[in-house]
């Protein structure tokens, strides 16, 4: 885990506002996350996370624990 700024981008299984609220309830608990957004118009429902010192693996596990499939986009 590094202390540099990162932008992590994931394809997700988010399917609407209720899923976004579930994601918000988890991501808003991390002070390392400075900003995040979901593009519900994109077919991949892209989740973009700006963070410091948190890994994509950790975020993937946390989101999968609440039933949201994620795959990192390159």
Protein backbone atom coordinates (compact mmCIF):
# COMPACT_ATOMS: atom_id res chain seq x y z
CA UNK A 1 0.00 0.00 0.00
CA UNK A 2 1.46 3.30 -1.09
CA UNK A 3 0.82 6.82 0.11
CA UNK A 4 0.61 8.27 -3.40
CA UNK A 5 -2.52 9.55 -5.08
CA UNK A 6 -4.27 6.91 -7.16
CA UNK A 7 -7.20 6.83 -9.52
CA UNK A 8 -8.80 3.41 -9.61
CA UNK A 9 -11.33 2.58 -12.32
CA UNK A 10 -13.63 -0.45 -12.18
CA UNK A 11 -16.33 -2.04 -14.31
CA UNK A 12 -19.17 -2.88 -11.91
CA UNK A 13 -22.51 -4.61 -11.51
CA UNK A 14 -24.13 -1.45 -10.11
CA UNK A 15 -27.71 -1.33 -11.40
CA UNK A 16 -29.23 1.88 -10.12
CA UNK A 17 -29.58 4.35 -7.31
CA UNK A 18 -30.09 1.74 -4.58
CA UNK A 19 -26.77 0.09 -5.49
CA UNK A 20 -25.10 3.51 -5.54
CA UNK A 21 -26.41 4.15 -2.01
CA UNK A 22 -24.96 0.81 -0.84
CA UNK A 23 -21.61 1.67 -2.42
CA UNK A 24 -21.72 5.15 -0.83
CA UNK A 25 -22.34 3.68 2.61
CA UNK A 26 -19.08 1.75 2.31
CA UNK A 27 -16.82 4.13 0.37
CA UNK A 28 -17.74 7.17 2.47
CA UNK A 29 -16.28 5.38 5.52
CA UNK A 30 -12.76 5.53 4.04
CA UNK A 31 -10.92 8.79 4.75
CA UNK A 32 -8.33 7.71 2.14
CA UNK A 33 -10.96 8.15 -0.61
CA UNK A 34 -11.03 11.79 -1.68
CA UNK A 35 -13.66 11.47 -4.43
CA UNK A 36 -15.62 8.76 -6.18
CA UNK A 37 -18.28 8.58 -8.89
CA UNK A 38 -20.33 6.05 -10.85
CA UNK A 39 -21.28 6.48 -14.51
CA UNK A 40 -24.71 4.84 -14.70
CA UNK A 41 -25.01 5.79 -18.39
CA UNK A 42 -22.00 3.66 -19.39
CA UNK A 43 -22.80 0.00 -20.10
CA UNK A 44 -19.92 -1.01 -17.79
CA UNK A 45 -21.31 1.15 -14.92
CA UNK A 46 -17.82 2.57 -14.38
CA UNK A 47 -16.80 3.36 -10.80
CA UNK A 48 -13.95 5.87 -10.54
CA UNK A 49 -12.22 6.29 -7.18
CA UNK A 50 -9.61 8.90 -6.28
CA UNK A 51 -7.71 7.76 -3.21
CA UNK A 52 -4.49 7.81 -1.25
CA UNK A 53 -2.89 4.67 0.14
CA UNK A 54 -5.60 2.10 -0.55
CA UNK A 55 -5.30 -0.81 -2.94
CA UNK A 56 -7.63 -1.92 -5.71
CA UNK A 57 -7.69 -5.40 -4.13
CA UNK A 58 -8.95 -4.00 -0.82
CA UNK A 59 -11.67 -1.98 -2.53
CA UNK A 60 -12.66 -4.98 -4.66
CA UNK A 61 -13.08 -7.16 -1.56
CA UNK A 62 -15.11 -4.52 0.28
CA UNK A 63 -17.46 -4.01 -2.66
CA UNK A 64 -17.86 -7.73 -3.31
CA UNK A 65 -18.80 -8.15 0.37
CA UNK A 66 -21.87 -5.99 -0.29
CA UNK A 67 -22.74 -7.86 -3.48
CA UNK A 68 -21.19 -5.52 -6.06
CA UNK A 69 -19.08 -7.23 -8.72
CA UNK A 70 -16.05 -5.18 -9.76
CA UNK A 71 -13.25 -5.67 -12.24
CA UNK A 72 -10.41 -3.19 -12.57
CA UNK A 73 -10.19 -1.47 -15.95
CA UNK A 74 -6.80 -0.65 -17.38
